[in-house]
Amino acid sequence: MKPMKVLKELNLVCWSTLLIGRQRGWAKKSDIAAYATSLLSADLDNGDENIAVLAGADSLDDSEIKCLLLQVGGSTDAPEVIEKWRLATLTALSGSVLSEEEKIDKLQELYAEFDYPEDMASCSIYSQDSVDPLVAMSEVISSLKKKFTG
C-alpha cells in the first residue's frame, strides 16, 4: 500500500498535505488532480476556480501547482502535515510485503528522511535499548493514529 492511499483511508488528505507531499516527492500530480476532482464531484469546492484548474494538475508544471495549492489554502508551514506523512509512510511500510530485514532497512531510511524524530529513536538499529525496531515502529504508528484519528 502506498502512503497516499493510507492518507486517503484515514481521511487525512488536505491541500497542505498535497503541497508538502509534492514538494518532497511523496505526492504525484495525479494525487492532486484526484483530490481536486473528488471535491468538485462532491460539490465541496466552494466555487473556487483554482480547484477546477487543479483537477487538471497532470498538465501543469510544479510552480503552477505550488501557486494554486497555496491559493486554495495549502500551507508549507504545517508541522502536523509532516506527521501525517510519517504516519502514512510507516503504515505503508508496516503493511508491505517486504521481509523483516528489508523493512528494518527501509525504516532506517525513513528515520533519517523524517529528520530523526525523537519518538522513532527505538526504530533505529543503533538504539541502545533492546526494543525490536519493528515493534517500535508499530508503537509509533499507534501513537500517531491516536493523534490524528482519535
N, C-alpha and C. Protein backbone atom coordinates (compact mmCIF):
# COMPACT_ATOMS: atom_id res chain seq x y z
N MET A 1 0.84 -1.18 0.00
CA MET A 1 0.00 0.00 0.00
C MET A 1 0.89 1.24 0.00
N LYS A 2 0.48 2.23 -0.73
CA LYS A 2 1.25 3.48 -0.85
C LYS A 2 0.80 4.46 0.24
N PRO A 3 1.73 5.33 0.69
CA PRO A 3 1.38 6.32 1.72
C PRO A 3 0.17 7.18 1.35
N MET A 4 0.04 7.56 0.09
CA MET A 4 -1.09 8.40 -0.32
C MET A 4 -2.41 7.66 -0.09
N LYS A 5 -2.41 6.37 -0.35
CA LYS A 5 -3.62 5.57 -0.13
C LYS A 5 -3.96 5.52 1.37
N VAL A 6 -2.94 5.41 2.20
CA VAL A 6 -3.15 5.41 3.65
C VAL A 6 -3.75 6.74 4.09
N LEU A 7 -3.21 7.84 3.58
CA LEU A 7 -3.75 9.16 3.92
C LEU A 7 -5.22 9.26 3.54
N LYS A 8 -5.57 8.75 2.36
CA LYS A 8 -6.97 8.79 1.93
C LYS A 8 -7.84 7.95 2.85
N GLU A 9 -7.39 6.75 3.17
CA GLU A 9 -8.17 5.86 4.03
C GLU A 9 -8.39 6.44 5.42
N LEU A 10 -7.40 7.18 5.92
CA LEU A 10 -7.51 7.79 7.24
C LEU A 10 -8.16 9.18 7.19
N ASN A 11 -8.56 9.58 5.98
CA ASN A 11 -9.20 10.88 5.76
C ASN A 11 -8.30 12.03 6.23
N LEU A 12 -7.02 11.96 5.88
CA LEU A 12 -6.05 12.96 6.30
C LEU A 12 -5.53 13.81 5.13
N VAL A 13 -6.14 13.67 3.96
CA VAL A 13 -5.68 14.44 2.81
C VAL A 13 -6.27 15.85 2.89
N CYS A 14 -5.41 16.84 2.68
CA CYS A 14 -5.85 18.23 2.60
C CYS A 14 -4.88 18.93 1.64
N TRP A 15 -5.14 20.20 1.36
CA TRP A 15 -4.27 20.91 0.42
C TRP A 15 -2.83 21.00 0.94
N SER A 16 -2.66 21.21 2.24
CA SER A 16 -1.31 21.29 2.80
C SER A 16 -0.58 19.96 2.69
N THR A 17 -1.32 18.87 2.92
CA THR A 17 -0.73 17.53 2.79
C THR A 17 -0.21 17.33 1.36
N LEU A 18 -1.02 17.76 0.40
CA LEU A 18 -0.63 17.60 -1.01
C LEU A 18 0.52 18.53 -1.38
N LEU A 19 0.49 19.75 -0.87
CA LEU A 19 1.55 20.71 -1.18
C LEU A 19 2.90 20.23 -0.64
N ILE A 20 2.95 19.89 0.61
CA ILE A 20 4.21 19.41 1.20
C ILE A 20 4.61 18.07 0.58
N GLY A 21 3.63 17.22 0.35
CA GLY A 21 3.90 15.93 -0.30
C GLY A 21 4.50 16.10 -1.68
N ARG A 22 3.99 17.05 -2.44
CA ARG A 22 4.52 17.29 -3.78
C ARG A 22 5.94 17.85 -3.71
N GLN A 23 6.16 18.78 -2.78
CA GLN A 23 7.49 19.38 -2.64
C GLN A 23 8.54 18.35 -2.25
N ARG A 24 8.15 17.37 -1.48
CA ARG A 24 9.11 16.37 -1.00
C ARG A 24 9.14 15.11 -1.87
N GLY A 25 8.34 15.11 -2.92
CA GLY A 25 8.33 13.97 -3.84
C GLY A 25 7.48 12.81 -3.36
N TRP A 26 6.58 13.05 -2.43
CA TRP A 26 5.74 11.99 -1.89
C TRP A 26 4.38 11.92 -2.58
N ALA A 27 3.94 13.03 -3.16
CA ALA A 27 2.64 13.09 -3.84
C ALA A 27 2.87 13.36 -5.32
N LYS A 28 2.09 12.68 -6.15
CA LYS A 28 2.18 12.86 -7.59
C LYS A 28 1.15 13.88 -8.05
N LYS A 29 1.35 14.38 -9.25
CA LYS A 29 0.37 15.30 -9.83
C LYS A 29 -1.01 14.64 -9.87
N SER A 30 -1.03 13.36 -10.17
CA SER A 30 -2.31 12.66 -10.27
C SER A 30 -3.04 12.61 -8.92
N ASP A 31 -2.29 12.61 -7.81
CA ASP A 31 -2.92 12.64 -6.49
C ASP A 31 -3.63 13.97 -6.27
N ILE A 32 -3.00 15.05 -6.70
CA ILE A 32 -3.58 16.38 -6.56
C ILE A 32 -4.82 16.48 -7.44
N ALA A 33 -4.71 16.00 -8.67
CA ALA A 33 -5.85 16.04 -9.59
C ALA A 33 -7.02 15.22 -9.04
N ALA A 34 -6.72 14.06 -8.48
CA ALA A 34 -7.78 13.20 -7.93
C ALA A 34 -8.49 13.87 -6.75
N TYR A 35 -7.73 14.52 -5.88
CA TYR A 35 -8.33 15.20 -4.73
C TYR A 35 -9.21 16.35 -5.20
N ALA A 36 -8.70 17.16 -6.12
CA ALA A 36 -9.49 18.28 -6.64
C ALA A 36 -10.77 17.77 -7.31
N THR A 37 -10.64 16.71 -8.07
CA THR A 37 -11.80 16.13 -8.75
C THR A 37 -12.82 15.62 -7.74
N SER A 38 -12.33 15.01 -6.65
CA SER A 38 -13.26 14.50 -5.63
C SER A 38 -14.02 15.64 -4.97
N LEU A 39 -13.35 16.78 -4.75
CA LEU A 39 -14.05 17.94 -4.18
C LEU A 39 -15.07 18.50 -5.16
N LEU A 40 -14.69 18.54 -6.42
CA LEU A 40 -15.62 19.06 -7.43
C LEU A 40 -16.85 18.15 -7.56
N SER A 41 -16.62 16.85 -7.57
CA SER A 41 -17.74 15.92 -7.75
C SER A 41 -18.64 15.86 -6.52
N ALA A 42 -18.08 16.18 -5.35
CA ALA A 42 -18.87 16.21 -4.12
C ALA A 42 -19.42 17.61 -3.87
N ASP A 43 -19.14 18.53 -4.82
CA ASP A 43 -19.58 19.92 -4.73
C ASP A 43 -19.06 20.60 -3.47
N LEU A 44 -17.80 20.29 -3.11
CA LEU A 44 -17.18 20.87 -1.93
C LEU A 44 -16.13 21.91 -2.28
N ASP A 45 -16.18 22.40 -3.51
CA ASP A 45 -15.14 23.32 -3.96
C ASP A 45 -15.41 24.77 -3.59
N ASN A 46 -16.58 25.08 -3.06
CA ASN A 46 -16.93 26.44 -2.67
C ASN A 46 -16.75 27.45 -3.81
N GLY A 47 -16.92 26.99 -5.03
CA GLY A 47 -16.84 27.89 -6.17
C GLY A 47 -15.44 28.38 -6.51
N ASP A 48 -14.41 27.76 -5.96
CA ASP A 48 -13.03 28.19 -6.22
C ASP A 48 -12.57 27.62 -7.55
N GLU A 49 -12.39 28.49 -8.52
CA GLU A 49 -12.00 28.03 -9.86
C GLU A 49 -10.61 27.39 -9.86
N ASN A 50 -9.78 27.72 -8.87
CA ASN A 50 -8.45 27.11 -8.79
C ASN A 50 -8.54 25.60 -8.58
N ILE A 51 -9.58 25.17 -7.89
CA ILE A 51 -9.76 23.73 -7.68
C ILE A 51 -10.03 23.04 -9.01
N ALA A 52 -10.82 23.68 -9.85
CA ALA A 52 -11.09 23.12 -11.18
C ALA A 52 -9.80 23.03 -11.99
N VAL A 53 -8.95 24.04 -11.86
CA VAL A 53 -7.66 24.01 -12.57
C VAL A 53 -6.79 22.88 -12.02
N LEU A 54 -6.81 22.72 -10.69
CA LEU A 54 -6.01 21.64 -10.08
C LEU A 54 -6.50 20.26 -10.47
N ALA A 55 -7.76 20.15 -10.87
CA ALA A 55 -8.28 18.86 -11.34
C ALA A 55 -7.53 18.41 -12.59
N GLY A 56 -6.90 19.35 -13.27
CA GLY A 56 -6.07 19.03 -14.43
C GLY A 56 -4.58 19.14 -14.11
N ALA A 57 -4.21 18.86 -12.88
CA ALA A 57 -2.83 19.04 -12.41
C ALA A 57 -1.80 18.28 -13.25
N ASP A 58 -2.22 17.19 -13.87
CA ASP A 58 -1.28 16.40 -14.67
C ASP A 58 -0.65 17.22 -15.79
N SER A 59 -1.36 18.26 -16.25
CA SER A 59 -0.83 19.05 -17.37
C SER A 59 -0.17 20.35 -16.91
N LEU A 60 -0.04 20.54 -15.60
CA LEU A 60 0.57 21.76 -15.06
C LEU A 60 2.01 21.49 -14.64
N ASP A 61 2.81 22.56 -14.62
CA ASP A 61 4.17 22.36 -14.09
C ASP A 61 4.16 22.59 -12.58
N ASP A 62 5.24 22.20 -11.93
CA ASP A 62 5.29 22.23 -10.47
C ASP A 62 5.10 23.63 -9.89
N SER A 63 5.63 24.65 -10.54
CA SER A 63 5.48 26.00 -9.99
C SER A 63 4.02 26.45 -10.06
N GLU A 64 3.31 26.08 -11.13
CA GLU A 64 1.88 26.40 -11.22
C GLU A 64 1.10 25.67 -10.14
N ILE A 65 1.43 24.41 -9.94
CA ILE A 65 0.74 23.61 -8.93
C ILE A 65 0.97 24.21 -7.55
N LYS A 66 2.21 24.56 -7.24
CA LYS A 66 2.51 25.15 -5.93
C LYS A 66 1.72 26.43 -5.71
N CYS A 67 1.70 27.29 -6.70
CA CYS A 67 0.99 28.56 -6.61
C CYS A 67 -0.51 28.31 -6.37
N LEU A 68 -1.10 27.41 -7.12
CA LEU A 68 -2.52 27.11 -6.96
C LEU A 68 -2.82 26.48 -5.60
N LEU A 69 -1.95 25.57 -5.17
CA LEU A 69 -2.16 24.93 -3.86
C LEU A 69 -2.12 25.97 -2.73
N LEU A 70 -1.22 26.93 -2.85
CA LEU A 70 -1.15 28.00 -1.84
C LEU A 70 -2.42 28.86 -1.88
N GLN A 71 -2.95 29.09 -3.08
CA GLN A 71 -4.15 29.91 -3.22
C GLN A 71 -5.40 29.22 -2.66
N VAL A 72 -5.46 27.90 -2.75
CA VAL A 72 -6.66 27.20 -2.24
C VAL A 72 -6.54 26.85 -0.76
N GLY A 73 -5.47 27.26 -0.13
CA GLY A 73 -5.37 27.07 1.31
C GLY A 73 -4.26 26.16 1.79
N GLY A 74 -3.41 25.71 0.88
CA GLY A 74 -2.28 24.89 1.29
C GLY A 74 -1.25 25.73 2.03
N SER A 75 -0.54 25.11 2.93
CA SER A 75 0.49 25.81 3.68
C SER A 75 1.76 24.96 3.72
N THR A 76 2.89 25.64 3.62
CA THR A 76 4.16 24.92 3.73
C THR A 76 4.66 24.95 5.17
N ASP A 77 3.94 25.67 6.03
CA ASP A 77 4.32 25.78 7.43
C ASP A 77 3.32 25.01 8.28
N ALA A 78 3.34 23.71 8.12
CA ALA A 78 2.37 22.88 8.83
C ALA A 78 3.07 21.62 9.35
N PRO A 79 3.71 21.72 10.53
CA PRO A 79 4.45 20.57 11.06
C PRO A 79 3.59 19.31 11.21
N GLU A 80 2.29 19.48 11.50
CA GLU A 80 1.43 18.30 11.64
C GLU A 80 1.26 17.56 10.32
N VAL A 81 1.46 18.26 9.21
CA VAL A 81 1.36 17.61 7.91
C VAL A 81 2.49 16.59 7.74
N ILE A 82 3.68 16.95 8.18
CA ILE A 82 4.81 16.02 8.13
C ILE A 82 4.48 14.79 8.97
N GLU A 83 3.83 15.01 10.10
CA GLU A 83 3.44 13.90 10.97
C GLU A 83 2.42 13.00 10.28
N LYS A 84 1.51 13.59 9.51
CA LYS A 84 0.54 12.79 8.75
C LYS A 84 1.27 11.92 7.73
N TRP A 85 2.23 12.51 7.05
CA TRP A 85 3.00 11.75 6.06
C TRP A 85 3.82 10.65 6.75
N ARG A 86 4.33 10.95 7.93
CA ARG A 86 5.11 9.95 8.67
C ARG A 86 4.21 8.77 9.04
N LEU A 87 3.02 9.08 9.52
CA LEU A 87 2.05 8.02 9.84
C LEU A 87 1.76 7.18 8.61
N ALA A 88 1.46 7.84 7.50
CA ALA A 88 1.11 7.12 6.27
C ALA A 88 2.27 6.28 5.75
N THR A 89 3.47 6.83 5.82
CA THR A 89 4.65 6.12 5.30
C THR A 89 4.98 4.90 6.17
N LEU A 90 4.93 5.08 7.47
CA LEU A 90 5.21 3.94 8.37
C LEU A 90 4.13 2.88 8.27
N THR A 91 2.87 3.30 8.13
CA THR A 91 1.77 2.34 7.98
C THR A 91 1.94 1.55 6.69
N ALA A 92 2.30 2.25 5.63
CA ALA A 92 2.52 1.57 4.34
C ALA A 92 3.67 0.58 4.45
N LEU A 93 4.75 0.97 5.13
CA LEU A 93 5.88 0.07 5.31
C LEU A 93 5.47 -1.15 6.14
N SER A 94 4.73 -0.91 7.21
CA SER A 94 4.30 -1.99 8.08
C SER A 94 3.47 -3.03 7.32
N GLY A 95 2.64 -2.56 6.40
CA GLY A 95 1.77 -3.47 5.65
C GLY A 95 2.37 -3.99 4.36
N SER A 96 3.62 -3.65 4.10
CA SER A 96 4.25 -4.07 2.85
C SER A 96 4.64 -5.55 2.88
N VAL A 97 4.94 -6.07 1.72
CA VAL A 97 5.31 -7.49 1.60
C VAL A 97 6.82 -7.70 1.75
N LEU A 98 7.53 -6.67 2.15
CA LEU A 98 8.98 -6.80 2.33
C LEU A 98 9.29 -7.78 3.46
N SER A 99 10.47 -8.34 3.42
CA SER A 99 10.92 -9.20 4.52
C SER A 99 11.19 -8.32 5.73
N GLU A 100 11.32 -8.93 6.91
CA GLU A 100 11.61 -8.15 8.12
C GLU A 100 12.89 -7.36 7.96
N GLU A 101 13.91 -7.99 7.40
CA GLU A 101 15.19 -7.32 7.21
C GLU A 101 15.05 -6.12 6.27
N GLU A 102 14.29 -6.29 5.19
CA GLU A 102 14.08 -5.19 4.25
C GLU A 102 13.28 -4.05 4.91
N LYS A 103 12.30 -4.42 5.73
CA LYS A 103 11.52 -3.40 6.44
C LYS A 103 12.40 -2.61 7.39
N ILE A 104 13.28 -3.30 8.09
CA ILE A 104 14.18 -2.62 9.03
C ILE A 104 15.12 -1.69 8.26
N ASP A 105 15.62 -2.14 7.12
CA ASP A 105 16.49 -1.29 6.29
C ASP A 105 15.73 -0.03 5.85
N LYS A 106 14.51 -0.21 5.38
CA LYS A 106 13.69 0.92 4.93
C LYS A 106 13.34 1.83 6.11
N LEU A 107 13.11 1.23 7.27
CA LEU A 107 12.80 2.00 8.47
C LEU A 107 13.96 2.93 8.84
N GLN A 108 15.19 2.45 8.65
CA GLN A 108 16.36 3.29 8.93
C GLN A 108 16.37 4.50 7.99
N GLU A 109 16.02 4.27 6.73
CA GLU A 109 15.97 5.37 5.75
C GLU A 109 14.89 6.38 6.13
N LEU A 110 13.74 5.88 6.56
CA LEU A 110 12.64 6.77 6.93
C LEU A 110 12.97 7.57 8.19
N TYR A 111 13.64 6.95 9.11
CA TYR A 111 14.06 7.64 10.33
C TYR A 111 14.89 8.87 9.96
N ALA A 112 15.80 8.69 9.01
CA ALA A 112 16.62 9.81 8.54
C ALA A 112 15.79 10.79 7.71
N GLU A 113 14.96 10.27 6.82
CA GLU A 113 14.16 11.13 5.94
C GLU A 113 13.26 12.08 6.72
N PHE A 114 12.75 11.61 7.84
CA PHE A 114 11.88 12.45 8.67
C PHE A 114 12.66 13.18 9.76
N ASP A 115 13.97 13.28 9.59
CA ASP A 115 14.85 14.07 10.44
C ASP A 115 14.93 13.56 11.88
N TYR A 116 15.03 12.26 12.01
CA TYR A 116 15.28 11.60 13.30
C TYR A 116 14.32 12.03 14.42
N PRO A 117 13.01 11.80 14.23
CA PRO A 117 12.07 12.17 15.29
C PRO A 117 12.36 11.40 16.58
N GLU A 118 12.20 12.08 17.68
CA GLU A 118 12.52 11.50 18.99
C GLU A 118 11.74 10.21 19.25
N ASP A 119 10.46 10.21 18.84
CA ASP A 119 9.64 9.03 19.13
C ASP A 119 10.01 7.82 18.27
N MET A 120 10.91 8.01 17.32
CA MET A 120 11.36 6.89 16.48
C MET A 120 12.76 6.40 16.88
N ALA A 121 13.31 6.89 17.95
CA ALA A 121 14.67 6.51 18.35
C ALA A 121 14.81 5.00 18.48
N SER A 122 13.80 4.33 19.03
CA SER A 122 13.86 2.88 19.20
C SER A 122 13.72 2.12 17.88
N CYS A 123 13.35 2.84 16.82
CA CYS A 123 13.25 2.22 15.49
C CYS A 123 14.64 2.05 14.87
N SER A 124 15.62 2.72 15.43
CA SER A 124 16.98 2.67 14.89
C SER A 124 17.68 1.40 15.33
N ILE A 125 18.43 0.83 14.41
CA ILE A 125 19.22 -0.35 14.76
C ILE A 125 20.37 0.03 15.68
N TYR A 126 20.63 1.32 15.81
CA TYR A 126 21.71 1.79 16.67
C TYR A 126 21.21 2.20 18.05
N SER A 127 19.93 2.01 18.29
CA SER A 127 19.35 2.38 19.57
C SER A 127 20.00 1.56 20.69
N GLN A 128 20.12 2.16 21.84
CA GLN A 128 20.75 1.49 22.98
C GLN A 128 19.76 0.61 23.75
N ASP A 129 18.46 0.71 23.41
CA ASP A 129 17.50 -0.15 24.12
C ASP A 129 17.37 -1.49 23.40
N SER A 130 16.63 -2.37 23.98
CA SER A 130 16.53 -3.72 23.41
C SER A 130 15.22 -3.95 22.68
N VAL A 131 14.55 -2.87 22.30
CA VAL A 131 13.27 -2.97 21.60
C VAL A 131 13.51 -3.32 20.13
N ASP A 132 12.74 -4.27 19.63
CA ASP A 132 12.81 -4.63 18.22
C ASP A 132 12.35 -3.40 17.40
N PRO A 133 13.12 -3.00 16.38
CA PRO A 133 12.75 -1.81 15.60
C PRO A 133 11.34 -1.88 15.00
N LEU A 134 10.90 -3.08 14.59
CA LEU A 134 9.57 -3.21 14.00
C LEU A 134 8.47 -3.07 15.06
N VAL A 135 8.76 -3.52 16.27
CA VAL A 135 7.81 -3.33 17.38
C VAL A 135 7.74 -1.84 17.71
N ALA A 136 8.89 -1.19 17.74
CA ALA A 136 8.93 0.25 18.00
C ALA A 136 8.16 1.00 16.92
N MET A 137 8.29 0.58 15.67
CA MET A 137 7.56 1.21 14.56
C MET A 137 6.05 1.07 14.79
N SER A 138 5.59 -0.09 15.21
CA SER A 138 4.16 -0.30 15.47
C SER A 138 3.67 0.63 16.57
N GLU A 139 4.50 0.85 17.58
CA GLU A 139 4.12 1.76 18.67
C GLU A 139 4.02 3.20 18.18
N VAL A 140 4.94 3.60 17.31
CA VAL A 140 4.90 4.94 16.74
C VAL A 140 3.64 5.11 15.89
N ILE A 141 3.33 4.10 15.09
CA ILE A 141 2.12 4.14 14.25
C ILE A 141 0.89 4.30 15.14
N SER A 142 0.81 3.51 16.20
CA SER A 142 -0.33 3.59 17.13
C SER A 142 -0.48 4.98 17.72
N SER A 143 0.62 5.52 18.16
CA SER A 143 0.61 6.85 18.78
C SER A 143 0.16 7.91 17.78
N LEU A 144 0.69 7.85 16.56
CA LEU A 144 0.32 8.84 15.53
C LEU A 144 -1.15 8.68 15.12
N LYS A 145 -1.62 7.44 15.03
CA LYS A 145 -3.04 7.22 14.68
C LYS A 145 -3.95 7.83 15.73
N LYS A 146 -3.60 7.65 16.99
CA LYS A 146 -4.40 8.24 18.08
C LYS A 146 -4.43 9.76 17.95
N LYS A 147 -3.30 10.33 17.60
CA LYS A 147 -3.19 11.78 17.47
C LYS A 147 -4.13 12.32 16.38
N PHE A 148 -4.22 11.59 15.26
CA PHE A 148 -4.98 12.11 14.12
C PHE A 148 -6.38 11.54 13.97
N THR A 149 -6.63 10.38 14.51
CA THR A 149 -7.94 9.79 14.29
C THR A 149 -8.71 9.56 15.59
N GLY A 150 -8.10 9.96 16.68
CA GLY A 150 -8.81 9.89 17.97
C GLY A 150 -8.73 8.62 18.62
